[in-house]
Structures are given as structure tokens and as C-alpha cells.
Amino acid sequence: MRSHIDTTSVKRAHRYQHIRLITTQLAGLGVTLAALEGIQENELSDSIDSVRGKLAESIKADPQRAAKKLHEAKNKFRFKA
């Protein structure tokens, strides 16, 4: 059986689904980290901002590693049409 859906549309849909999955995972990890750090619900938004800062610090601390990881991810995921 063959589908006549164009490849670009399928790749775009897969890419979107993968972005949603990773975004959901990041949100879950951020909330889990906040729980481990004893953050209260009313402080959660600020805590997530803090996570963003921690990620940026990690990238700045080892930019070569971050660049390598980005390159590897770009080669791993082929969603471009």
C-alpha cells in the first residue's frame, strides 16, 4: 500500500511531534528539579527561569562540548525536506 502524502508534510509533522515531546520532557524535568530544590508552587515560574540560567551557564562553561552536541543532534535528526 502506498500513501500519496508528500514527504515534506510527513517530515514537518514528525519534527513538530518531536519538538512537543522534548518540550514536555523539559517541563517535567524542570518541575522535578524544583521539587528536589524545595521550591513552592508560587515560586515555580521563577524556578524555571533559574533552570534556563543554569543551562546557559553550562553551555558557557564548555562551549566546545555544547557545539559538538549541537552538531551531533543536527546529524542525528533529519527532519528537513
C-alpha atoms as a PDB file:
ATOM      1  CA  MET A   1       0.000   0.000   0.000  1.00  0.00           C
ATOM      2  CA  ARG A   2       1.316   3.454  -0.854  1.00  0.00           C
ATOM      3  CA  SER A   3       0.389   6.819   0.569  1.00  0.00           C
ATOM      4  CA  HIS A   4       0.403   9.854  -1.656  1.00  0.00           C
ATOM      5  CA  ILE A   5       1.122  12.271   1.183  1.00  0.00           C
ATOM      6  CA  ASP A   6       4.112  14.368   0.287  1.00  0.00           C
ATOM      7  CA  THR A   7       7.331  13.677   2.185  1.00  0.00           C
ATOM      8  CA  THR A   8       7.762  17.283   3.300  1.00  0.00           C
ATOM      9  CA  SER A   9       4.453  17.228   5.181  1.00  0.00           C
ATOM     10  CA  VAL A  10       5.332  13.981   6.945  1.00  0.00           C
ATOM     11  CA  LYS A  11       8.774  15.254   7.969  1.00  0.00           C
ATOM     12  CA  ARG A  12       7.256  18.518   9.206  1.00  0.00           C
ATOM     13  CA  ALA A  13       4.701  16.608  11.307  1.00  0.00           C
ATOM     14  CA  HIS A  14       7.379  14.310  12.781  1.00  0.00           C
ATOM     15  CA  ARG A  15       9.592  17.295  13.593  1.00  0.00           C
ATOM     16  CA  TYR A  16       6.697  19.082  15.320  1.00  0.00           C
ATOM     17  CA  GLN A  17       5.847  15.959  17.344  1.00  0.00           C
ATOM     18  CA  HIS A  18       9.465  15.572  18.414  1.00  0.00           C
ATOM     19  CA  ILE A  19       9.671  19.221  19.498  1.00  0.00           C
ATOM     20  CA  ARG A  20       6.480  18.774  21.562  1.00  0.00           C
ATOM     21  CA  LEU A  21       7.872  15.610  23.164  1.00  0.00           C
ATOM     22  CA  ILE A  22      11.147  17.260  24.153  1.00  0.00           C
ATOM     23  CA  THR A  23       9.375  20.399  25.398  1.00  0.00           C
ATOM     24  CA  THR A  24       7.126  18.246  27.586  1.00  0.00           C
ATOM     25  CA  GLN A  25      10.154  16.359  28.911  1.00  0.00           C
ATOM     26  CA  LEU A  26      11.972  19.626  29.674  1.00  0.00           C
ATOM     27  CA  ALA A  27       8.957  20.945  31.573  1.00  0.00           C
ATOM     28  CA  GLY A  28       8.773  17.739  33.582  1.00  0.00           C
ATOM     29  CA  LEU A  29      12.478  17.833  34.364  1.00  0.00           C
ATOM     30  CA  GLY A  30      12.212  21.479  35.423  1.00  0.00           C
ATOM     31  CA  VAL A  31       9.327  20.722  37.787  1.00  0.00           C
ATOM     32  CA  THR A  32      11.169  17.691  39.186  1.00  0.00           C
ATOM     33  CA  LEU A  33      14.281  19.794  39.798  1.00  0.00           C
ATOM     34  CA  ALA A  34      12.143  22.421  41.523  1.00  0.00           C
ATOM     35  CA  ALA A  35      10.639  19.748  43.770  1.00  0.00           C
ATOM     36  CA  LEU A  36      14.098  18.452  44.669  1.00  0.00           C
ATOM     37  CA  GLU A  37      15.196  22.002  45.494  1.00  0.00           C
ATOM     38  CA  GLY A  38      12.175  22.506  47.760  1.00  0.00           C
ATOM     39  CA  ILE A  39      10.517  25.111  45.552  1.00  0.00           C
ATOM     40  CA  GLN A  40       6.908  26.026  46.381  1.00  0.00           C
ATOM     41  CA  GLU A  41       4.166  26.237  43.744  1.00  0.00           C
ATOM     42  CA  ASN A  42       4.085  30.031  43.841  1.00  0.00           C
ATOM     43  CA  GLU A  43       7.844  30.082  43.112  1.00  0.00           C
ATOM     44  CA  LEU A  44       7.709  27.617  40.226  1.00  0.00           C
ATOM     45  CA  SER A  45       7.824  30.174  37.409  1.00  0.00           C
ATOM     46  CA  ASP A  46      10.919  31.838  38.886  1.00  0.00           C
ATOM     47  CA  SER A  47      12.457  28.412  39.397  1.00  0.00           C
ATOM     48  CA  ILE A  48      12.029  27.593  35.708  1.00  0.00           C
ATOM     49  CA  ASP A  49      13.758  30.892  34.847  1.00  0.00           C
ATOM     50  CA  SER A  50      16.589  29.756  37.112  1.00  0.00           C
ATOM     51  CA  VAL A  51      16.844  26.481  35.177  1.00  0.00           C
ATOM     52  CA  ARG A  52      17.273  28.479  31.972  1.00  0.00           C
ATOM     53  CA  GLY A  53      20.147  30.333  33.617  1.00  0.00           C
ATOM     54  CA  LYS A  54      21.749  27.077  34.753  1.00  0.00           C
ATOM     55  CA  LEU A  55      21.551  25.693  31.222  1.00  0.00           C
ATOM     56  CA  ALA A  56      23.140  28.846  29.809  1.00  0.00           C
ATOM     57  CA  GLU A  57      25.940  28.635  32.389  1.00  0.00           C
ATOM     58  CA  SER A  58      26.557  25.014  31.459  1.00  0.00           C
ATOM     59  CA  ILE A  59      26.888  25.937  27.786  1.00  0.00           C
ATOM     60  CA  LYS A  60      29.190  28.878  28.554  1.00  0.00           C
ATOM     61  CA  ALA A  61      31.338  26.698  30.819  1.00  0.00           C
ATOM     62  CA  ASP A  62      32.126  24.302  27.967  1.00  0.00           C
ATOM     63  CA  PRO A  63      31.196  25.856  24.615  1.00  0.00           C
ATOM     64  CA  GLN A  64      33.157  23.279  22.631  1.00  0.00           C
ATOM     65  CA  ARG A  65      31.179  20.425  24.172  1.00  0.00           C
ATOM     66  CA  ALA A  66      27.917  22.285  23.557  1.00  0.00           C
ATOM     67  CA  ALA A  67      28.869  22.915  19.921  1.00  0.00           C
ATOM     68  CA  LYS A  68      29.788  19.249  19.487  1.00  0.00           C
ATOM     69  CA  LYS A  69      26.462  18.130  20.992  1.00  0.00           C
ATOM     70  CA  LEU A  70      24.556  20.533  18.726  1.00  0.00           C
ATOM     71  CA  HIS A  71      26.403  19.202  15.677  1.00  0.00           C
ATOM     72  CA  GLU A  72      25.652  15.605  16.721  1.00  0.00           C
ATOM     73  CA  ALA A  73      21.964  16.399  17.215  1.00  0.00           C
ATOM     74  CA  LYS A  74      21.736  18.089  13.824  1.00  0.00           C
ATOM     75  CA  ASN A  75      23.220  14.995  12.204  1.00  0.00           C
ATOM     76  CA  LYS A  76      21.003  12.639  14.192  1.00  0.00           C
ATOM     77  CA  PHE A  77      17.662  14.223  13.379  1.00  0.00           C
ATOM     78  CA  ARG A  78      16.892  14.598   9.693  1.00  0.00           C
ATOM     79  CA  PHE A  79      13.536  16.353   9.526  1.00  0.00           C
ATOM     80  CA  LYS A  80      14.456  18.716   6.716  1.00  0.00           C
ATOM     81  CA  ALA A  81      12.698  18.157   3.426  1.00  0.00           C
END
